[in-house]
Structure formats: C-alpha cells, structure tokens
Amino acid sequence: MKENVYLRCADVIYCTKSKARKYGSFIKINGMPQISFFYGIVILMNFADHAPAHFHAWYGDFKVIVSIKDGVVKGEMPGRALKMILEWLEIHREELLSNWVKAQNGMPLDKIEPLN
C-alpha cells in the first residue's frame, strides 16, 4: 500500500521528477492526488468526496473549491489566478467530470493538461 504524502503547496511547486517518481505518478497533498499544475496553481481532486462534482485549486496560501458543472467558487484566490483556473475549467470540463466519476469509484485519476 502506498503511503499518503503530505506536502505543503510550496513543496509541490518545487517537487523534482525523482521525488514524484518516488511516490508514484501522482503527488498527493492531504490524500488528494494532483491532477494538473500550471503557473504555480495546483489542481487536486479527492476520492469519494461530497457532491456536487468539484476540484480543489491551491495557489500559495490560497485555496478554493470549484464546482465543475457551473464554476461556482468557494474560498479565496487572487483574481488573476482565479481567471486562469476558470479558463482551464472551461477547456477541460469533460475530462474533469470523467475524473470525478473515477474518483467516486476509487479508480485511478487521469492527469489533465495544464493551461498553456
């Protein structure tokens, strides 16, 4: 059984490839797999999490929960970072919904391309 890796957001931002290999294909923060990373923003999704379908986004000390279907945001995030998160959501909504179903069934999650 793989151990959960508890890292601060800053640790993930500067995580090396060798460190990522050590813990498998996903870095986990508080038990949540990282499914994407762009411009210092870490995107996470929890297994067997509460409805509605959502993902977590961390940027430095800021954290938000974003509803996949309607983009409703709970939490605090700088405007520029939030704009990028919502743009990424629009591009990858179907992939996020697919990952949500997988997460609810305890299946491995797919990594999702970062915002370019």
Protein backbone atom coordinates (compact mmCIF):
# COMPACT_ATOMS: atom_id res chain seq x y z
CA MET A 1 0.00 0.00 0.00
CA LYS A 2 1.36 3.41 -0.96
CA GLU A 3 1.71 5.93 1.80
CA ASN A 4 -0.02 9.28 1.57
CA VAL A 5 2.38 12.13 1.02
CA TYR A 6 1.59 15.26 2.97
CA LEU A 7 3.28 18.25 1.42
CA ARG A 8 2.77 21.96 1.66
CA CYS A 9 1.71 23.58 -1.59
CA ALA A 10 5.16 25.18 -1.95
CA ASP A 11 6.79 21.74 -1.69
CA VAL A 12 4.77 20.52 -4.67
CA ILE A 13 5.63 23.57 -6.76
CA TYR A 14 9.31 22.76 -6.39
CA CYS A 15 8.95 18.97 -6.47
CA THR A 16 11.57 17.23 -8.62
CA LYS A 17 10.79 14.46 -11.11
CA SER A 18 12.76 11.98 -8.99
CA LYS A 19 10.67 12.87 -5.94
CA ALA A 20 7.48 12.43 -7.99
CA ARG A 21 8.69 9.01 -9.20
CA LYS A 22 9.41 8.01 -5.61
CA TYR A 23 5.74 8.45 -4.72
CA GLY A 24 4.16 7.19 -7.94
CA SER A 25 2.61 9.04 -10.83
CA PHE A 26 0.71 11.46 -8.59
CA ILE A 27 1.82 13.68 -5.81
CA LYS A 28 -0.77 13.62 -3.04
CA ILE A 29 -1.50 16.56 -0.79
CA ASN A 30 -3.60 15.74 2.25
CA GLY A 31 -4.53 12.50 0.48
CA MET A 32 -5.71 14.25 -2.70
CA PRO A 33 -3.98 13.44 -6.00
CA GLN A 34 -2.65 16.33 -8.03
CA ILE A 35 -4.27 16.14 -11.47
CA SER A 36 -2.77 19.28 -13.02
CA PHE A 37 -0.32 22.10 -12.35
CA PHE A 38 0.15 25.41 -14.16
CA TYR A 39 1.57 28.85 -13.30
CA GLY A 40 2.05 27.81 -9.66
CA ILE A 41 -1.56 26.60 -9.35
CA VAL A 42 -2.03 23.05 -8.09
CA ILE A 43 -5.25 21.28 -9.12
CA LEU A 44 -6.40 18.40 -6.90
CA MET A 45 -9.35 16.04 -6.74
CA ASN A 46 -10.37 14.00 -3.72
CA PHE A 47 -11.57 10.40 -3.77
CA ALA A 48 -15.16 9.73 -2.63
CA ASP A 49 -15.73 13.42 -1.97
CA HIS A 50 -19.06 15.16 -1.33
CA ALA A 51 -21.35 16.36 -4.12
CA PRO A 52 -21.56 18.44 -6.23
CA ALA A 53 -18.70 17.43 -8.56
CA HIS A 54 -15.75 19.75 -7.85
CA PHE A 55 -11.99 20.12 -7.70
CA HIS A 56 -9.62 21.93 -5.37
CA ALA A 57 -7.16 24.59 -6.53
CA TRP A 58 -4.26 25.84 -4.43
CA TYR A 59 -2.03 28.80 -5.16
CA GLY A 60 0.44 29.67 -2.42
CA ASP A 61 -1.63 30.07 0.74
CA PHE A 62 -4.89 30.49 -1.22
CA LYS A 63 -7.32 27.60 -1.66
CA VAL A 64 -10.62 27.30 -3.49
CA ILE A 65 -13.14 24.60 -4.30
CA VAL A 66 -14.59 24.93 -7.81
CA SER A 67 -17.82 23.28 -8.97
CA ILE A 68 -17.18 21.51 -12.28
CA LYS A 69 -20.64 21.96 -13.78
CA ASP A 70 -21.27 25.64 -13.05
CA GLY A 71 -17.90 27.10 -11.99
CA VAL A 72 -19.15 28.25 -8.57
CA VAL A 73 -16.12 29.05 -6.39
CA LYS A 74 -15.81 28.73 -2.61
CA GLY A 75 -12.73 30.17 -0.92
CA GLU A 76 -10.25 32.92 -1.68
CA MET A 77 -7.94 33.26 -4.68
CA PRO A 78 -6.21 36.23 -6.32
CA GLY A 79 -8.18 37.44 -9.36
CA ARG A 80 -5.56 36.59 -11.96
CA ALA A 81 -5.12 33.04 -10.66
CA LEU A 82 -8.89 32.54 -10.43
CA LYS A 83 -9.32 33.70 -14.04
CA MET A 84 -6.77 31.08 -15.17
CA ILE A 85 -8.47 28.35 -13.10
CA LEU A 86 -11.87 29.13 -14.63
CA GLU A 87 -10.39 29.26 -18.15
CA TRP A 88 -8.78 25.85 -17.53
CA LEU A 89 -12.13 24.53 -16.25
CA GLU A 90 -13.91 25.58 -19.46
CA ILE A 91 -11.31 23.80 -21.60
CA HIS A 92 -11.24 20.58 -19.54
CA ARG A 93 -14.79 20.26 -18.13
CA GLU A 94 -15.45 16.83 -19.75
CA GLU A 95 -12.12 15.42 -18.52
CA LEU A 96 -12.85 16.75 -15.03
CA LEU A 97 -16.28 15.13 -14.99
CA SER A 98 -14.72 11.84 -16.13
CA ASN A 99 -12.14 12.10 -13.32
CA TRP A 100 -14.94 12.87 -10.84
CA VAL A 101 -16.71 9.61 -11.73
CA LYS A 102 -13.42 7.71 -11.43
CA ALA A 103 -12.71 9.31 -8.05
CA GLN A 104 -16.15 8.38 -6.74
CA ASN A 105 -15.47 4.77 -7.75
CA GLY A 106 -11.95 4.70 -6.27
CA MET A 107 -10.33 4.37 -9.69
CA PRO A 108 -7.01 6.00 -10.66
CA LEU A 109 -7.41 9.56 -11.95
CA ASP A 110 -6.07 10.86 -15.24
CA LYS A 111 -3.67 13.77 -15.36
CA ILE A 112 -5.12 16.74 -17.22
CA GLU A 113 -3.10 19.04 -19.48
CA PRO A 114 -2.14 22.36 -17.89
CA LEU A 115 -3.24 25.74 -19.15
CA ASN A 116 -0.84 26.94 -21.84
